[in-house]
Amino acid sequence: MNNVNEKTILIIDDDAAMLRALSKVLSGEGAVVASASWAGEIMERLADNQGHFDLIITDLRMPILNGKSVLGAVKTALPEVPVIVMTAFGSPEVEAECLEKGAAAFLEKPLDTPQLLAAIDGVFAAQKRARKWGLRRRKSLRKPKASTSETQTDLSSRTGLARASGF
């Protein structure tokens, strides 16, 4: 299964050879690829294409703006965009921290093409399931002829969110 075709993917890595290799592989699979290698370029790409990336793949260890910072910024500004974190310096603790902070997947370098494509397929499949479940869940939460305040109270009680938060 190849979920990469016609997807827009931003690759972030300070290693030019890794950027070229990943770009070549993903472009060859039909993806539209953008790349960034330093902090200013990363922020520029995110600002210029806000909301237009289907996936972001970032290296963890980079100067100035590391992968954890990129992950945090993306999850804050673009929470719907999945982020895959990759590193040559991984550990179970680092992987757990990245996944806890919202990474969709964690990969250790060196990567091979099947491993990369399998991770991307997994991310897009999980995203599709989440959207499908979310739509079903929202439909099941609807009550016919409920007033706005009743709906807010019902959602607040089901999600545990206080009414003051706007829900």
Foldseek 3Di string as FASTA:
>chain_A
DFPLAAFEEEEEAQDPVVVVVVCVLSVVSHHRYDYDRDDVRLVVVCVVCPPRHQEYEYEADDPPQGPVNSLLVCCVRPVLHAYEYEYQDDDPVVQVVSVVSGHLYYYYPPDDSVRVRVSVVSSVVVSVVVVVVVVVVVVVLDDPPDDPVRSLVSVCVVVVNDVVVVD
